[in-house]
């Protein structure tokens, strides 16, 4: 059975973290993973498995985002993303 979960978080990125690192981290999960963020007054949503989508979100430290995961390993994916974005 497919599960959908979401959580709002404030991210804390370091200079050493890249969107490539995030992309590689989540490729092992079967879940569909999306991130929502307000970009210059417009709510944007991107599939985290898409590098272009990640670039368009313009992630930076102290951003508020919503992580949405849907699939058989949604909980595990959400926890891994939260851990990465709060290093």
C-alpha atoms as a PDB file:
ATOM      1  CA  UNK A   1       0.000   0.000   0.000  1.00  0.00           C
ATOM      2  CA  UNK A   2       1.293   3.431  -0.930  1.00  0.00           C
ATOM      3  CA  UNK A   3       1.637   6.012   1.799  1.00  0.00           C
ATOM      4  CA  UNK A   4       1.796   9.800   1.489  1.00  0.00           C
ATOM      5  CA  UNK A   5       3.402  11.886   4.211  1.00  0.00           C
ATOM      6  CA  UNK A   6       4.576  15.466   4.383  1.00  0.00           C
ATOM      7  CA  UNK A   7       6.353  17.730   6.802  1.00  0.00           C
ATOM      8  CA  UNK A   8       7.266  21.407   6.935  1.00  0.00           C
ATOM      9  CA  UNK A   9      10.842  22.119   7.970  1.00  0.00           C
ATOM     10  CA  UNK A  10      13.336  24.972   8.065  1.00  0.00           C
ATOM     11  CA  UNK A  11      16.485  23.812   6.324  1.00  0.00           C
ATOM     12  CA  UNK A  12      20.033  24.367   7.547  1.00  0.00           C
ATOM     13  CA  UNK A  13      22.433  23.763   4.663  1.00  0.00           C
ATOM     14  CA  UNK A  14      26.210  23.958   4.904  1.00  0.00           C
ATOM     15  CA  UNK A  15      28.476  25.279   2.189  1.00  0.00           C
ATOM     16  CA  UNK A  16      29.716  21.738   1.604  1.00  0.00           C
ATOM     17  CA  UNK A  17      26.266  20.373   0.695  1.00  0.00           C
ATOM     18  CA  UNK A  18      25.169  20.392  -2.937  1.00  0.00           C
ATOM     19  CA  UNK A  19      21.990  19.541  -4.788  1.00  0.00           C
ATOM     20  CA  UNK A  20      23.956  16.741  -6.447  1.00  0.00           C
ATOM     21  CA  UNK A  21      24.510  15.194  -3.010  1.00  0.00           C
ATOM     22  CA  UNK A  22      20.785  15.437  -2.272  1.00  0.00           C
ATOM     23  CA  UNK A  23      19.882  13.976  -5.654  1.00  0.00           C
ATOM     24  CA  UNK A  24      22.207  11.019  -5.164  1.00  0.00           C
ATOM     25  CA  UNK A  25      20.883  10.402  -1.651  1.00  0.00           C
ATOM     26  CA  UNK A  26      17.267  10.017  -2.743  1.00  0.00           C
ATOM     27  CA  UNK A  27      17.752   7.934  -5.903  1.00  0.00           C
ATOM     28  CA  UNK A  28      17.652   4.714  -3.853  1.00  0.00           C
ATOM     29  CA  UNK A  29      14.080   5.337  -2.678  1.00  0.00           C
ATOM     30  CA  UNK A  30      11.040   4.116  -4.612  1.00  0.00           C
ATOM     31  CA  UNK A  31       8.909   6.933  -3.201  1.00  0.00           C
ATOM     32  CA  UNK A  32       8.030   9.963  -5.266  1.00  0.00           C
ATOM     33  CA  UNK A  33       9.576  12.900  -3.442  1.00  0.00           C
ATOM     34  CA  UNK A  34       8.592  16.537  -3.865  1.00  0.00           C
ATOM     35  CA  UNK A  35       9.703  19.748  -2.251  1.00  0.00           C
ATOM     36  CA  UNK A  36       7.573  22.906  -2.066  1.00  0.00           C
ATOM     37  CA  UNK A  37       9.081  26.325  -1.466  1.00  0.00           C
ATOM     38  CA  UNK A  38       8.064  29.937  -1.861  1.00  0.00           C
ATOM     39  CA  UNK A  39      10.373  31.440  -4.504  1.00  0.00           C
ATOM     40  CA  UNK A  40      10.055  35.220  -4.840  1.00  0.00           C
ATOM     41  CA  UNK A  41       6.386  35.190  -3.799  1.00  0.00           C
ATOM     42  CA  UNK A  42       5.394  32.190  -5.919  1.00  0.00           C
ATOM     43  CA  UNK A  43       4.902  28.678  -4.493  1.00  0.00           C
ATOM     44  CA  UNK A  44       7.048  26.219  -6.457  1.00  0.00           C
ATOM     45  CA  UNK A  45       7.049  22.437  -6.300  1.00  0.00           C
ATOM     46  CA  UNK A  46       9.794  20.212  -7.691  1.00  0.00           C
ATOM     47  CA  UNK A  47      10.403  16.510  -7.946  1.00  0.00           C
ATOM     48  CA  UNK A  48      13.566  15.963  -5.927  1.00  0.00           C
ATOM     49  CA  UNK A  49      14.712  13.276  -8.331  1.00  0.00           C
ATOM     50  CA  UNK A  50      15.031  15.983 -10.989  1.00  0.00           C
ATOM     51  CA  UNK A  51      18.242  18.008 -10.915  1.00  0.00           C
ATOM     52  CA  UNK A  52      16.604  20.800 -12.903  1.00  0.00           C
ATOM     53  CA  UNK A  53      13.728  20.929 -10.409  1.00  0.00           C
ATOM     54  CA  UNK A  54      16.186  21.231  -7.531  1.00  0.00           C
ATOM     55  CA  UNK A  55      18.061  24.037  -9.274  1.00  0.00           C
ATOM     56  CA  UNK A  56      14.821  25.952  -9.870  1.00  0.00           C
ATOM     57  CA  UNK A  57      13.973  25.876  -6.147  1.00  0.00           C
ATOM     58  CA  UNK A  58      17.107  27.878  -5.319  1.00  0.00           C
ATOM     59  CA  UNK A  59      17.571  26.201  -1.933  1.00  0.00           C
ATOM     60  CA  UNK A  60      19.558  28.075   0.668  1.00  0.00           C
ATOM     61  CA  UNK A  61      20.059  27.903   4.403  1.00  0.00           C
ATOM     62  CA  UNK A  62      17.126  28.959   6.583  1.00  0.00           C
ATOM     63  CA  UNK A  63      14.497  28.367   3.855  1.00  0.00           C
ATOM     64  CA  UNK A  64      11.117  26.972   4.908  1.00  0.00           C
ATOM     65  CA  UNK A  65      10.077  24.026   2.745  1.00  0.00           C
ATOM     66  CA  UNK A  66       7.491  21.271   2.660  1.00  0.00           C
ATOM     67  CA  UNK A  67       8.725  17.756   1.916  1.00  0.00           C
ATOM     68  CA  UNK A  68       6.131  15.415   0.394  1.00  0.00           C
ATOM     69  CA  UNK A  69       6.841  11.700  -0.020  1.00  0.00           C
ATOM     70  CA  UNK A  70       4.539   9.121  -1.560  1.00  0.00           C
ATOM     71  CA  UNK A  71       5.337   5.446  -1.893  1.00  0.00           C
ATOM     72  CA  UNK A  72       6.231   2.271  -0.047  1.00  0.00           C
ATOM     73  CA  UNK A  73       9.336   3.762   1.581  1.00  0.00           C
ATOM     74  CA  UNK A  74       7.966   7.281   2.121  1.00  0.00           C
ATOM     75  CA  UNK A  75       8.833   7.411   5.843  1.00  0.00           C
ATOM     76  CA  UNK A  76      12.438   6.369   5.263  1.00  0.00           C
ATOM     77  CA  UNK A  77      12.824   8.854   2.412  1.00  0.00           C
ATOM     78  CA  UNK A  78      11.377  11.699   4.486  1.00  0.00           C
ATOM     79  CA  UNK A  79      13.738  11.012   7.381  1.00  0.00           C
ATOM     80  CA  UNK A  80      16.791  10.834   5.071  1.00  0.00           C
ATOM     81  CA  UNK A  81      15.882  14.142   3.418  1.00  0.00           C
ATOM     82  CA  UNK A  82      15.243  15.831   6.775  1.00  0.00           C
ATOM     83  CA  UNK A  83      18.625  14.618   8.054  1.00  0.00           C
ATOM     84  CA  UNK A  84      20.379  15.938   4.938  1.00  0.00           C
ATOM     85  CA  UNK A  85      18.651  19.320   4.976  1.00  0.00           C
ATOM     86  CA  UNK A  86      19.322  19.861   8.690  1.00  0.00           C
ATOM     87  CA  UNK A  87      23.052  19.096   8.872  1.00  0.00           C
END
